[in-house]
């Protein structure tokens, strides 16, 4: 299941879910001046599963260039593990948890810049770990700071899940300071063109295949509850609306801290964020991007508009014409639904409206080192080849400025 399929699965676990944001028919044109001033962006997300060697990274950049993309969103921070040498966090488990003998981020930057492409560092913000087994590295944040993880109202720590995350607690100032330090270190040491934040929210959905977690509420550790009480004069169960608003505000405070820290470290570095496509649904994960946009906390926003239904896709686009006014909107679309004719129409719609799009993801279009969330058997390789046969001419046409009217 993709990250946004999970994001849009609103389970009874959530306590802040609201009605789906109403959308209308998509606009076929865009008046100049409505949005930001960045150059048109044709981006693709490349996950941490897609590379293990220097040659993998070189191949990825070559494929992306040939396909007509001009921007690579290259995942380098996963669950408090990273794909570059760091004194703050250990190497990612996808690279064996140890120095792989090369610097994946520096390699990606060098190759992308040599091809005239932007290299964006894609980071997961909130996740602390992924999978059923805890990390073995004593320096991993789960082991160093277990008090930074979620605890429910019964005093139980958030359980590990198959192919999903346990989370850091952004309500704690120490956690926010830690995340800001990691991101400032990354931005200060590498010539990235943009820092792209993902999972800037509570990953509080029901993990697929796990026991029902409805009714659990996070984070309810004594320190978090004390902070809420100090501000509100109440306990969470006494005012659930205030509790929900307060948690959203802590996520926003983290973004404010990131924005401030990056302006101190590298003032001209662009900051972007991936968000759910519908604001009321996003709020159920305490992701209040209306506030973020109103406060100009990001330079660009990437709505993850993942659907195989063109009517839904276009309705969400129309809603973002209003939501994103004055900001750069890079409309995300997914190849996971599988219909490349529809995917081509979605690309046209996004490009026509915003002159930007981002495709999820590389491993759905190309064979790769990814065997964790993508199969590399012969049938899947043939399926990806068919996707490329249909979609690459469209992508290459858009790279030349072409779009169906």
Protein backbone atom coordinates (compact mmCIF):
# COMPACT_ATOMS: atom_id res chain seq x y z
CA UNK A 1 0.00 0.00 0.00
CA UNK A 2 1.39 3.41 -0.97
CA UNK A 3 2.10 6.19 1.52
CA UNK A 4 -0.96 8.18 0.36
CA UNK A 5 -3.25 5.22 0.09
CA UNK A 6 -2.51 4.81 3.78
CA UNK A 7 -2.77 8.57 4.34
CA UNK A 8 -6.28 8.67 2.88
CA UNK A 9 -7.50 5.60 4.78
CA UNK A 10 -9.26 7.30 7.65
CA UNK A 11 -9.80 4.71 10.32
CA UNK A 12 -11.66 4.81 13.58
CA UNK A 13 -8.28 5.32 15.24
CA UNK A 14 -8.39 8.97 14.24
CA UNK A 15 -10.07 11.44 16.53
CA UNK A 16 -9.99 14.54 14.40
CA UNK A 17 -11.39 13.42 11.06
CA UNK A 18 -13.67 15.85 9.31
CA UNK A 19 -15.67 15.79 6.09
CA UNK A 20 -13.88 15.50 2.77
CA UNK A 21 -13.15 18.87 1.22
CA UNK A 22 -15.66 19.65 -1.50
CA UNK A 23 -14.21 20.06 -4.97
CA UNK A 24 -15.56 21.35 -8.23
CA UNK A 25 -14.61 20.82 -11.85
CA UNK A 26 -11.02 21.47 -12.82
CA UNK A 27 -9.95 24.61 -14.53
CA UNK A 28 -8.35 24.17 -17.93
CA UNK A 29 -6.18 27.27 -17.69
CA UNK A 30 -4.24 29.33 -15.21
CA UNK A 31 -4.16 33.08 -14.99
CA UNK A 32 -0.65 34.44 -14.66
CA UNK A 33 0.39 35.67 -11.24
CA UNK A 34 -1.83 33.32 -9.22
CA UNK A 35 1.05 31.20 -8.03
CA UNK A 36 4.74 31.44 -7.22
CA UNK A 37 7.57 32.26 -9.57
CA UNK A 38 9.70 29.13 -9.69
CA UNK A 39 10.62 27.61 -13.03
CA UNK A 40 8.28 24.85 -14.25
CA UNK A 41 9.03 21.62 -12.44
CA UNK A 42 8.75 18.06 -13.80
CA UNK A 43 9.72 16.00 -10.80
CA UNK A 44 9.88 12.36 -9.76
CA UNK A 45 10.15 10.79 -6.30
CA UNK A 46 13.05 8.33 -5.91
CA UNK A 47 12.80 6.34 -2.67
CA UNK A 48 15.51 4.96 -0.37
CA UNK A 49 14.69 1.46 -1.64
CA UNK A 50 15.70 2.29 -5.23
CA UNK A 51 19.48 2.45 -4.79
CA UNK A 52 22.23 0.53 -3.04
CA UNK A 53 25.34 1.32 -5.10
CA UNK A 54 26.93 4.29 -6.84
CA UNK A 55 26.01 2.75 -10.19
CA UNK A 56 22.37 2.56 -9.08
CA UNK A 57 22.36 6.30 -8.43
CA UNK A 58 24.03 7.07 -11.77
CA UNK A 59 21.50 4.89 -13.59
CA UNK A 60 18.59 6.57 -11.81
CA UNK A 61 19.75 10.06 -12.80
CA UNK A 62 20.24 8.94 -16.41
CA UNK A 63 16.77 7.43 -16.63
CA UNK A 64 15.15 10.51 -15.11
CA UNK A 65 16.95 12.83 -17.52
CA UNK A 66 16.05 10.74 -20.56
CA UNK A 67 12.39 10.59 -19.49
CA UNK A 68 12.12 14.39 -19.48
CA UNK A 69 12.18 15.08 -15.74
CA UNK A 70 14.11 18.14 -14.62
CA UNK A 71 13.91 17.53 -10.85
CA UNK A 72 14.70 14.48 -8.71
CA UNK A 73 13.20 14.18 -5.23
CA UNK A 74 15.87 11.91 -3.77
CA UNK A 75 15.04 10.31 -0.42
CA UNK A 76 17.93 10.60 2.02
CA UNK A 77 16.29 10.49 5.46
CA UNK A 78 13.90 7.70 6.27
CA UNK A 79 13.19 6.85 9.90
CA UNK A 80 15.95 8.69 11.74
CA UNK A 81 18.48 6.97 9.48
CA UNK A 82 20.18 8.66 6.54
CA UNK A 83 21.83 8.08 3.16
CA UNK A 84 24.81 10.36 3.72
CA UNK A 85 27.59 10.43 6.35
CA UNK A 86 26.25 12.04 9.52
CA UNK A 87 27.41 12.48 13.09
CA UNK A 88 23.79 12.83 14.19
CA UNK A 89 22.04 9.78 12.74
CA UNK A 90 23.17 6.33 11.58
CA UNK A 91 23.31 5.05 8.02
CA UNK A 92 20.00 3.80 6.63
CA UNK A 93 19.19 0.12 6.91
CA UNK A 94 18.66 0.01 3.12
CA UNK A 95 22.42 0.60 2.85
CA UNK A 96 23.19 -2.07 5.42
CA UNK A 97 23.32 0.35 8.33
CA UNK A 98 26.97 1.12 7.56
CA UNK A 99 29.07 3.27 5.25
CA UNK A 100 28.44 1.85 1.75
CA UNK A 101 31.76 3.14 0.45
CA UNK A 102 30.27 6.14 -1.33
CA UNK A 103 28.05 9.09 -0.51
CA UNK A 104 24.65 8.54 -2.20
CA UNK A 105 23.50 12.12 -1.71
CA UNK A 106 26.70 13.71 -3.01
CA UNK A 107 26.68 11.31 -5.97
CA UNK A 108 23.09 12.22 -6.81
CA UNK A 109 23.85 15.94 -6.54
CA UNK A 110 26.91 15.71 -8.78
CA UNK A 111 25.20 13.62 -11.47
CA UNK A 112 21.96 15.64 -11.45
CA UNK A 113 23.77 18.96 -11.68
CA UNK A 114 25.95 17.62 -14.47
CA UNK A 115 22.73 16.86 -16.38
CA UNK A 116 21.28 20.31 -15.67
CA UNK A 117 18.71 18.92 -13.22
CA UNK A 118 17.63 19.98 -9.73
CA UNK A 119 18.43 17.60 -6.90
CA UNK A 120 16.01 17.87 -4.00
CA UNK A 121 16.73 16.15 -0.69
CA UNK A 122 13.56 14.28 0.31
CA UNK A 123 13.33 13.65 4.06
CA UNK A 124 10.79 11.90 6.25
CA UNK A 125 10.30 14.17 9.24
CA UNK A 126 8.32 12.36 11.92
CA UNK A 127 9.03 8.60 11.54
CA UNK A 128 11.38 7.05 14.11
CA UNK A 129 11.48 3.49 12.76
CA UNK A 130 9.87 1.21 10.14
CA UNK A 131 8.95 -2.45 10.41
CA UNK A 132 8.23 -5.10 13.06
CA UNK A 133 11.73 -5.42 14.52
CA UNK A 134 13.33 -2.63 16.57
CA UNK A 135 16.62 -1.08 15.42
CA UNK A 136 19.81 -2.78 16.60
CA UNK A 137 22.04 0.29 16.44
CA UNK A 138 22.33 1.76 19.96
CA UNK A 139 22.76 5.21 18.41
CA UNK A 140 19.45 5.08 16.57
CA UNK A 141 16.96 7.50 18.15
CA UNK A 142 14.53 4.76 19.21
CA UNK A 143 17.25 3.33 21.44
CA UNK A 144 18.85 6.61 22.53
CA UNK A 145 15.62 8.43 23.35
CA UNK A 146 12.75 5.97 23.95
CA UNK A 147 10.99 8.75 25.88
CA UNK A 148 10.58 10.63 22.58
CA UNK A 149 8.24 7.97 21.14
CA UNK A 150 4.45 7.85 21.31
CA UNK A 151 2.65 6.49 24.36
CA UNK A 152 -1.12 5.96 24.38
CA UNK A 153 -3.63 6.79 27.11
CA UNK A 154 -3.08 3.33 28.63
CA UNK A 155 0.63 3.99 29.06
CA UNK A 156 1.61 1.63 26.23
CA UNK A 157 4.22 2.60 23.64
CA UNK A 158 3.15 2.64 20.00
CA UNK A 159 3.69 -0.93 18.71
CA UNK A 160 5.95 -1.77 15.80
CA UNK A 161 4.16 -2.55 12.52
CA UNK A 162 4.88 -4.46 9.34
CA UNK A 163 5.96 -1.95 6.70
CA UNK A 164 4.85 1.08 8.68
CA UNK A 165 6.28 3.55 11.15
CA UNK A 166 6.52 4.30 14.82
CA UNK A 167 6.73 8.03 15.35
CA UNK A 168 8.65 10.68 17.18
CA UNK A 169 6.55 12.99 19.36
CA UNK A 170 6.59 16.54 17.91
CA UNK A 171 4.79 17.86 20.98
CA UNK A 172 8.08 17.67 22.89
CA UNK A 173 10.45 20.63 22.42
CA UNK A 174 13.47 18.29 22.62
CA UNK A 175 12.18 16.34 19.62
CA UNK A 176 11.62 19.48 17.59
CA UNK A 177 15.13 20.73 18.39
CA UNK A 178 16.60 17.37 17.38
CA UNK A 179 14.83 17.29 14.01
CA UNK A 180 15.83 20.89 13.26
CA UNK A 181 19.46 20.10 14.07
CA UNK A 182 19.46 17.12 11.69
CA UNK A 183 17.95 19.15 8.84
CA UNK A 184 20.24 22.13 9.38
CA UNK A 185 23.25 19.81 9.30
CA UNK A 186 22.06 18.32 6.01
CA UNK A 187 21.33 21.68 4.42
CA UNK A 188 24.59 23.21 5.60
CA UNK A 189 26.84 20.49 4.20
CA UNK A 190 25.30 19.74 0.80
CA UNK A 191 24.56 21.82 -2.29
CA UNK A 192 20.98 20.60 -2.55
CA UNK A 193 18.54 22.74 -4.51
CA UNK A 194 15.62 22.25 -2.13
CA UNK A 195 14.69 20.46 1.07
CA UNK A 196 11.49 18.43 0.70
CA UNK A 197 9.60 17.44 3.85
CA UNK A 198 7.45 14.31 3.91
CA UNK A 199 5.50 12.86 6.85
CA UNK A 200 5.23 16.30 8.41
CA UNK A 201 2.19 14.94 10.21
CA UNK A 202 1.14 12.27 12.65
CA UNK A 203 1.44 8.83 11.01
CA UNK A 204 -1.64 7.79 12.98
CA UNK A 205 -3.52 5.66 10.47
CA UNK A 206 -4.33 2.00 11.07
CA UNK A 207 -1.38 -0.02 9.69
CA UNK A 208 -2.46 -2.62 7.16
CA UNK A 209 -2.61 -6.15 8.53
CA UNK A 210 -2.14 -5.11 12.16
CA UNK A 211 -4.58 -5.54 15.09
CA UNK A 212 -7.23 -2.88 15.38
CA UNK A 213 -5.89 0.21 17.10
CA UNK A 214 -9.10 2.20 17.14
CA UNK A 215 -9.55 4.09 20.36
CA UNK A 216 -5.84 4.60 20.94
CA UNK A 217 -4.83 8.22 21.27
CA UNK A 218 -1.30 9.59 20.95
CA UNK A 219 0.79 11.03 22.48
CA UNK A 220 -0.42 10.67 26.06
CA UNK A 221 2.87 10.51 27.95
CA UNK A 222 2.92 12.53 31.16
CA UNK A 223 5.18 15.25 29.80
CA UNK A 224 3.02 15.91 26.72
CA UNK A 225 -0.19 15.96 28.75
CA UNK A 226 1.46 18.35 31.21
CA UNK A 227 2.43 20.72 28.38
CA UNK A 228 -1.14 20.68 27.07
CA UNK A 229 -2.57 21.29 30.53
CA UNK A 230 -0.20 24.19 31.11
CA UNK A 231 -1.52 25.92 27.99
CA UNK A 232 -5.20 24.94 28.13
CA UNK A 233 -5.91 24.29 31.78
CA UNK A 234 -7.55 21.02 30.79
CA UNK A 235 -6.80 17.35 30.24
CA UNK A 236 -7.16 15.88 26.72
CA UNK A 237 -10.41 14.05 27.49
CA UNK A 238 -11.97 17.21 28.89
CA UNK A 239 -11.74 19.10 25.59
CA UNK A 240 -10.98 16.89 22.60
CA UNK A 241 -11.34 19.75 20.10
CA UNK A 242 -8.71 21.79 21.95
CA UNK A 243 -6.50 18.70 22.22
CA UNK A 244 -6.70 18.16 18.46
CA UNK A 245 -5.99 21.80 17.70
CA UNK A 246 -3.05 21.81 20.09
CA UNK A 247 -1.50 18.76 18.44
CA UNK A 248 -1.84 20.37 15.01
CA UNK A 249 -0.17 23.45 16.40
CA UNK A 250 2.81 21.42 17.63
CA UNK A 251 3.36 20.09 14.10
CA UNK A 252 3.12 23.66 12.82
CA UNK A 253 5.58 24.75 15.50
CA UNK A 254 8.02 22.16 14.20
CA UNK A 255 7.70 23.60 10.70
CA UNK A 256 8.18 27.12 12.05
CA UNK A 257 11.35 25.94 13.78
CA UNK A 258 12.60 24.25 10.60
CA UNK A 259 11.93 27.36 8.54
CA UNK A 260 13.72 29.59 11.05
CA UNK A 261 16.67 27.22 11.38
CA UNK A 262 17.17 26.87 7.63
CA UNK A 263 17.07 30.63 7.15
CA UNK A 264 19.94 30.87 9.62
CA UNK A 265 21.91 28.09 7.95
CA UNK A 266 21.19 28.63 4.26
CA UNK A 267 18.80 31.56 3.68
CA UNK A 268 18.26 30.95 -0.02
CA UNK A 269 17.46 27.23 0.24
CA UNK A 270 13.93 26.45 -0.88
CA UNK A 271 11.72 24.47 1.48
CA UNK A 272 8.81 22.35 0.29
CA UNK A 273 6.35 19.91 1.82
CA UNK A 274 4.30 16.95 0.63
CA UNK A 275 0.71 17.10 1.89
CA UNK A 276 -2.58 15.26 1.63
CA UNK A 277 -4.74 16.57 -1.22
CA UNK A 278 -7.78 17.47 0.90
CA UNK A 279 -7.27 19.84 3.86
CA UNK A 280 -9.92 18.45 6.20
CA UNK A 281 -8.58 14.93 5.77
CA UNK A 282 -5.05 16.21 6.34
CA UNK A 283 -6.20 17.74 9.63
CA UNK A 284 -7.07 14.26 10.89
CA UNK A 285 -3.31 13.71 10.82
CA UNK A 286 -2.74 17.12 12.45
CA UNK A 287 -1.38 18.55 9.21
CA UNK A 288 -2.70 22.12 9.08
CA UNK A 289 -1.31 23.34 5.80
CA UNK A 290 -3.80 26.19 5.50
CA UNK A 291 -1.86 27.77 8.38
CA UNK A 292 1.48 26.89 6.79
CA UNK A 293 0.53 28.62 3.55
CA UNK A 294 -0.98 31.63 5.34
CA UNK A 295 2.27 32.09 7.29
CA UNK A 296 4.47 31.50 4.22
CA UNK A 297 6.32 28.67 5.99
CA UNK A 298 7.15 26.84 2.74
CA UNK A 299 8.19 27.87 -0.75
CA UNK A 300 6.30 25.09 -2.52
CA UNK A 301 3.63 22.55 -1.66
CA UNK A 302 3.22 19.10 -3.24
CA UNK A 303 -0.36 17.81 -2.86
CA UNK A 304 -0.24 14.01 -3.17
CA UNK A 305 -3.20 13.72 -5.50
CA UNK A 306 -3.02 9.95 -5.85
CA UNK A 307 -6.06 8.54 -7.60
CA UNK A 308 -6.84 6.66 -10.79
CA UNK A 309 -10.10 8.57 -11.16
CA UNK A 310 -9.61 11.56 -13.45
CA UNK A 311 -12.73 13.35 -12.19
CA UNK A 312 -11.46 13.20 -8.60
CA UNK A 313 -7.98 14.24 -9.70
CA UNK A 314 -9.30 17.29 -11.56
CA UNK A 315 -11.66 18.26 -8.72
CA UNK A 316 -8.73 18.33 -6.34
CA UNK A 317 -6.73 20.39 -8.82
CA UNK A 318 -9.50 22.97 -8.89
CA UNK A 319 -9.54 23.14 -5.10
CA UNK A 320 -5.78 23.81 -5.13
CA UNK A 321 -6.20 26.71 -7.54
CA UNK A 322 -7.77 28.49 -4.58
CA UNK A 323 -5.78 26.83 -1.75
CA UNK A 324 -2.39 27.45 -3.34
CA UNK A 325 -2.87 30.99 -4.54
CA UNK A 326 0.38 32.90 -4.14
CA UNK A 327 2.44 29.72 -3.73
CA UNK A 328 4.09 27.21 -6.03
CA UNK A 329 1.92 24.12 -6.27
CA UNK A 330 3.61 20.99 -7.64
CA UNK A 331 0.76 18.56 -8.17
CA UNK A 332 1.69 15.00 -7.24
CA UNK A 333 0.28 12.03 -9.13
CA UNK A 334 0.85 8.31 -8.71
CA UNK A 335 1.56 5.58 -11.24
CA UNK A 336 0.30 2.98 -8.78
CA UNK A 337 -3.28 2.80 -10.14
CA UNK A 338 -1.71 1.43 -13.34
CA UNK A 339 -3.71 3.02 -16.18
CA UNK A 340 -1.11 4.97 -18.13
CA UNK A 341 -3.66 6.61 -20.43
CA UNK A 342 -5.29 8.16 -17.35
CA UNK A 343 -1.85 8.97 -15.94
CA UNK A 344 -1.05 10.88 -19.13
CA UNK A 345 -4.26 12.87 -18.81
CA UNK A 346 -3.43 13.65 -15.18
CA UNK A 347 0.00 14.92 -16.19
CA UNK A 348 -1.62 17.15 -18.82
CA UNK A 349 -4.11 18.51 -16.31
CA UNK A 350 -1.45 19.26 -13.69
CA UNK A 351 0.94 20.84 -16.18
CA UNK A 352 -1.77 22.91 -17.84
CA UNK A 353 -2.94 24.31 -14.49
CA UNK A 354 0.26 24.75 -12.49
CA UNK A 355 3.11 24.21 -14.98
CA UNK A 356 4.43 21.72 -12.39
CA UNK A 357 3.98 18.06 -11.54
CA UNK A 358 5.66 15.33 -9.49
CA UNK A 359 5.37 11.63 -10.29
CA UNK A 360 5.24 8.88 -7.66
CA UNK A 361 7.42 7.01 -8.21
CA UNK A 362 10.64 5.84 -9.88
CA UNK A 363 10.18 2.18 -8.89
CA UNK A 364 6.75 2.10 -10.57
CA UNK A 365 8.32 3.15 -13.86
CA UNK A 366 11.79 1.57 -13.83
CA UNK A 367 13.45 -1.61 -12.60
CA UNK A 368 15.65 -0.90 -9.60
CA UNK A 369 17.28 -2.29 -6.48
CA UNK A 370 13.87 -2.03 -4.82
CA UNK A 371 12.70 -5.43 -3.61
CA UNK A 372 11.08 -4.23 -0.38
CA UNK A 373 7.99 -2.53 -1.80
CA UNK A 374 8.36 -3.40 -5.50
CA UNK A 375 8.84 -6.75 -7.20
CA UNK A 376 11.67 -7.28 -9.69
CA UNK A 377 10.28 -10.47 -11.22
CA UNK A 378 9.90 -10.79 -14.97
CA UNK A 379 6.17 -10.04 -15.01
CA UNK A 380 6.65 -6.78 -13.12
CA UNK A 381 9.56 -5.80 -15.33
CA UNK A 382 7.36 -6.31 -18.40
CA UNK A 383 4.61 -4.29 -16.73
CA UNK A 384 6.99 -1.40 -16.12
CA UNK A 385 8.25 -1.61 -19.70
CA UNK A 386 4.65 -1.23 -20.92
CA UNK A 387 4.18 1.77 -18.63
CA UNK A 388 7.27 3.42 -20.09
CA UNK A 389 6.11 2.69 -23.64
CA UNK A 390 2.93 4.67 -23.02
CA UNK A 391 4.09 7.35 -20.60
CA UNK A 392 7.59 8.34 -21.72
CA UNK A 393 6.44 10.02 -24.97
CA UNK A 394 4.03 12.14 -22.89
CA UNK A 395 6.72 13.08 -20.37
CA UNK A 396 9.18 13.93 -23.14
CA UNK A 397 6.55 16.03 -24.91
CA UNK A 398 5.85 17.98 -21.74
CA UNK A 399 9.59 18.54 -21.36
CA UNK A 400 9.45 20.28 -24.73
CA UNK A 401 6.52 22.43 -23.59
CA UNK A 402 3.82 20.33 -25.22
CA UNK A 403 0.43 19.64 -23.63
CA UNK A 404 -2.90 18.48 -24.99
CA UNK A 405 -5.52 21.19 -24.94
